[in-house]
Amino acid sequence: MRKWVFLFIIVLISCQGNDLPEGIIPPEKMQIIFWDYITADIYVSEFVLHDTAVNGIKKNIGLQKKIFEDNKITKEQFYSSYKYYASHPDLMKNMLDTMIKRSEIVRIPNKKRLKKDFYE
């Protein structure tokens, strides 16, 4: 009997931490989307905003829309997921740490995960 109680407690504890609220993007997918989001934001702030012929705000919104479409999510899903992760610092830290480690392994400072024509 003790074995069953012990097994039940282990299963209960292990299942508790893995549940995300409905509509929240899982960490693995959120890392990819957030990486693209940050990359697009850097592109706009470093290059587009210095070009007076281009509206940086419109360009940034367009890039975000493309990221959301490519990943088959809505803007609302992204921002609600971002707020969820921001309100859970341990999850956000793990997600960001993994993103940083992946970028260091792959070494992609000049190669974007997004297609070249994505920015044009």
C-alpha atoms as a PDB file:
ATOM      1  CA  MET A   1       0.000   0.000   0.000  1.00  0.00           C
ATOM      2  CA  ARG A   2       2.817   2.398   0.844  1.00  0.00           C
ATOM      3  CA  LYS A   3       4.324   1.803  -2.574  1.00  0.00           C
ATOM      4  CA  TRP A   4       1.088   2.875  -4.265  1.00  0.00           C
ATOM      5  CA  VAL A   5       0.777   6.015  -2.145  1.00  0.00           C
ATOM      6  CA  PHE A   6       4.408   6.891  -2.821  1.00  0.00           C
ATOM      7  CA  LEU A   7       3.947   6.275  -6.560  1.00  0.00           C
ATOM      8  CA  PHE A   8       0.771   8.376  -6.609  1.00  0.00           C
ATOM      9  CA  ILE A   9       2.534  11.285  -4.872  1.00  0.00           C
ATOM     10  CA  ILE A  10       5.441  11.152  -7.338  1.00  0.00           C
ATOM     11  CA  VAL A  11       3.072  11.157 -10.317  1.00  0.00           C
ATOM     12  CA  LEU A  12       1.048  13.993  -8.812  1.00  0.00           C
ATOM     13  CA  ILE A  13       4.130  16.133  -8.157  1.00  0.00           C
ATOM     14  CA  SER A  14       5.661  15.470 -11.579  1.00  0.00           C
ATOM     15  CA  CYS A  15       2.455  16.415 -13.385  1.00  0.00           C
ATOM     16  CA  GLN A  16       1.915  19.653 -11.497  1.00  0.00           C
ATOM     17  CA  GLY A  17       4.741  21.696 -12.987  1.00  0.00           C
ATOM     18  CA  ASN A  18       4.185  20.792 -16.635  1.00  0.00           C
ATOM     19  CA  ASP A  19       0.686  22.136 -17.115  1.00  0.00           C
ATOM     20  CA  LEU A  20       0.331  25.419 -18.925  1.00  0.00           C
ATOM     21  CA  PRO A  21      -2.942  27.308 -18.958  1.00  0.00           C
ATOM     22  CA  GLU A  22      -5.022  26.884 -22.079  1.00  0.00           C
ATOM     23  CA  GLY A  23      -3.882  29.117 -24.929  1.00  0.00           C
ATOM     24  CA  ILE A  24      -0.317  29.548 -23.654  1.00  0.00           C
ATOM     25  CA  ILE A  25       2.334  28.689 -26.238  1.00  0.00           C
ATOM     26  CA  PRO A  26       4.633  25.868 -25.026  1.00  0.00           C
ATOM     27  CA  PRO A  27       8.188  26.966 -24.149  1.00  0.00           C
ATOM     28  CA  GLU A  28       9.839  25.170 -27.075  1.00  0.00           C
ATOM     29  CA  LYS A  29       7.647  26.930 -29.638  1.00  0.00           C
ATOM     30  CA  MET A  30       7.717  30.235 -27.743  1.00  0.00           C
ATOM     31  CA  GLN A  31      11.528  30.241 -27.901  1.00  0.00           C
ATOM     32  CA  ILE A  32      11.457  30.095 -31.689  1.00  0.00           C
ATOM     33  CA  ILE A  33       8.769  32.754 -31.997  1.00  0.00           C
ATOM     34  CA  PHE A  34      10.377  35.032 -29.420  1.00  0.00           C
ATOM     35  CA  TRP A  35      13.770  34.705 -31.135  1.00  0.00           C
ATOM     36  CA  ASP A  36      12.225  35.813 -34.434  1.00  0.00           C
ATOM     37  CA  TYR A  37      10.355  38.613 -32.653  1.00  0.00           C
ATOM     38  CA  ILE A  38      13.545  39.931 -31.035  1.00  0.00           C
ATOM     39  CA  THR A  39      15.507  39.604 -34.291  1.00  0.00           C
ATOM     40  CA  ALA A  40      12.862  41.570 -36.191  1.00  0.00           C
ATOM     41  CA  ASP A  41      12.781  44.240 -33.488  1.00  0.00           C
ATOM     42  CA  ILE A  42      16.565  44.623 -33.614  1.00  0.00           C
ATOM     43  CA  TYR A  43      16.456  44.829 -37.403  1.00  0.00           C
ATOM     44  CA  VAL A  44      13.902  47.638 -37.268  1.00  0.00           C
ATOM     45  CA  SER A  45      15.664  49.579 -34.521  1.00  0.00           C
ATOM     46  CA  GLU A  46      19.145  49.229 -36.048  1.00  0.00           C
ATOM     47  CA  PHE A  47      18.410  49.611 -39.749  1.00  0.00           C
ATOM     48  CA  VAL A  48      14.892  50.696 -40.609  1.00  0.00           C
ATOM     49  CA  LEU A  49      14.549  53.553 -38.134  1.00  0.00           C
ATOM     50  CA  HIS A  50      17.639  55.186 -39.649  1.00  0.00           C
ATOM     51  CA  ASP A  51      16.027  55.163 -43.093  1.00  0.00           C
ATOM     52  CA  THR A  52      13.735  58.172 -43.362  1.00  0.00           C
ATOM     53  CA  ALA A  53      12.028  56.712 -46.431  1.00  0.00           C
ATOM     54  CA  VAL A  54      10.600  53.794 -44.445  1.00  0.00           C
ATOM     55  CA  ASN A  55       8.022  53.954 -41.670  1.00  0.00           C
ATOM     56  CA  GLY A  56       9.679  51.923 -38.886  1.00  0.00           C
ATOM     57  CA  ILE A  57       6.496  51.365 -36.910  1.00  0.00           C
ATOM     58  CA  LYS A  58       4.646  49.978 -39.929  1.00  0.00           C
ATOM     59  CA  LYS A  59       7.629  47.809 -40.835  1.00  0.00           C
ATOM     60  CA  ASN A  60       7.829  46.421 -37.282  1.00  0.00           C
ATOM     61  CA  ILE A  61       4.097  45.658 -37.242  1.00  0.00           C
ATOM     62  CA  GLY A  62       4.405  43.962 -40.623  1.00  0.00           C
ATOM     63  CA  LEU A  63       7.304  41.804 -39.453  1.00  0.00           C
ATOM     64  CA  GLN A  64       5.421  40.816 -36.307  1.00  0.00           C
ATOM     65  CA  LYS A  65       2.375  39.885 -38.369  1.00  0.00           C
ATOM     66  CA  LYS A  66       4.564  37.727 -40.641  1.00  0.00           C
ATOM     67  CA  ILE A  67       6.131  35.991 -37.629  1.00  0.00           C
ATOM     68  CA  PHE A  68       2.706  35.236 -36.169  1.00  0.00           C
ATOM     69  CA  GLU A  69       1.386  33.949 -39.506  1.00  0.00           C
ATOM     70  CA  ASP A  70       4.457  31.775 -40.135  1.00  0.00           C
ATOM     71  CA  ASN A  71       4.056  30.197 -36.693  1.00  0.00           C
ATOM     72  CA  LYS A  72       0.264  29.868 -37.025  1.00  0.00           C
ATOM     73  CA  ILE A  73      -0.533  31.898 -33.913  1.00  0.00           C
ATOM     74  CA  THR A  74      -2.384  35.128 -33.255  1.00  0.00           C
ATOM     75  CA  LYS A  75      -0.991  38.331 -31.866  1.00  0.00           C
ATOM     76  CA  GLU A  76      -3.183  37.796 -28.814  1.00  0.00           C
ATOM     77  CA  GLN A  77      -1.753  34.306 -28.223  1.00  0.00           C
ATOM     78  CA  PHE A  78       1.788  35.651 -28.391  1.00  0.00           C
ATOM     79  CA  TYR A  79       1.204  38.548 -26.018  1.00  0.00           C
ATOM     80  CA  SER A  80      -0.826  36.512 -23.525  1.00  0.00           C
ATOM     81  CA  SER A  81       1.915  33.852 -23.569  1.00  0.00           C
ATOM     82  CA  TYR A  82       4.579  36.520 -23.142  1.00  0.00           C
ATOM     83  CA  LYS A  83       2.699  37.974 -20.158  1.00  0.00           C
ATOM     84  CA  TYR A  84       2.375  34.502 -18.664  1.00  0.00           C
ATOM     85  CA  TYR A  85       6.101  33.804 -18.981  1.00  0.00           C
ATOM     86  CA  ALA A  86       6.974  37.284 -17.697  1.00  0.00           C
ATOM     87  CA  SER A  87       4.847  36.643 -14.607  1.00  0.00           C
ATOM     88  CA  HIS A  88       6.658  33.323 -14.037  1.00  0.00           C
ATOM     89  CA  PRO A  89      10.335  34.358 -13.848  1.00  0.00           C
ATOM     90  CA  ASP A  90      11.603  30.803 -13.477  1.00  0.00           C
ATOM     91  CA  LEU A  91       9.966  29.750 -16.759  1.00  0.00           C
ATOM     92  CA  MET A  92      11.090  32.938 -18.523  1.00  0.00           C
ATOM     93  CA  LYS A  93      14.657  32.493 -17.302  1.00  0.00           C
ATOM     94  CA  ASN A  94      14.777  28.889 -18.523  1.00  0.00           C
ATOM     95  CA  MET A  95      13.371  29.914 -21.889  1.00  0.00           C
ATOM     96  CA  LEU A  96      15.821  32.803 -22.327  1.00  0.00           C
ATOM     97  CA  ASP A  97      18.788  30.735 -21.122  1.00  0.00           C
ATOM     98  CA  THR A  98      17.972  28.078 -23.700  1.00  0.00           C
ATOM     99  CA  MET A  99      17.671  30.706 -26.434  1.00  0.00           C
ATOM    100  CA  ILE A 100      21.054  32.151 -25.507  1.00  0.00           C
ATOM    101  CA  LYS A 101      22.718  28.728 -25.436  1.00  0.00           C
ATOM    102  CA  ARG A 102      21.256  27.849 -28.834  1.00  0.00           C
ATOM    103  CA  SER A 103      22.502  31.112 -30.324  1.00  0.00           C
ATOM    104  CA  GLU A 104      25.987  30.506 -28.930  1.00  0.00           C
ATOM    105  CA  ILE A 105      26.097  26.974 -30.320  1.00  0.00           C
ATOM    106  CA  VAL A 106      24.796  27.882 -33.737  1.00  0.00           C
ATOM    107  CA  ARG A 107      26.646  31.213 -33.936  1.00  0.00           C
ATOM    108  CA  ILE A 108      24.124  33.028 -36.078  1.00  0.00           C
ATOM    109  CA  PRO A 109      24.970  36.721 -35.673  1.00  0.00           C
ATOM    110  CA  ASN A 110      24.854  37.339 -39.441  1.00  0.00           C
ATOM    111  CA  LYS A 111      22.565  34.490 -40.482  1.00  0.00           C
ATOM    112  CA  LYS A 112      18.972  34.918 -39.569  1.00  0.00           C
ATOM    113  CA  ARG A 113      16.651  31.967 -39.050  1.00  0.00           C
ATOM    114  CA  LEU A 114      14.169  33.880 -41.152  1.00  0.00           C
ATOM    115  CA  LYS A 115      14.421  33.950 -44.924  1.00  0.00           C
ATOM    116  CA  LYS A 116      16.406  36.802 -46.446  1.00  0.00           C
ATOM    117  CA  ASP A 117      13.387  38.225 -48.245  1.00  0.00           C
ATOM    118  CA  PHE A 118      11.517  38.312 -44.932  1.00  0.00           C
ATOM    119  CA  TYR A 119      12.957  41.757 -44.198  1.00  0.00           C
ATOM    120  CA  GLU A 120      12.356  43.221 -47.636  1.00  0.00           C
END
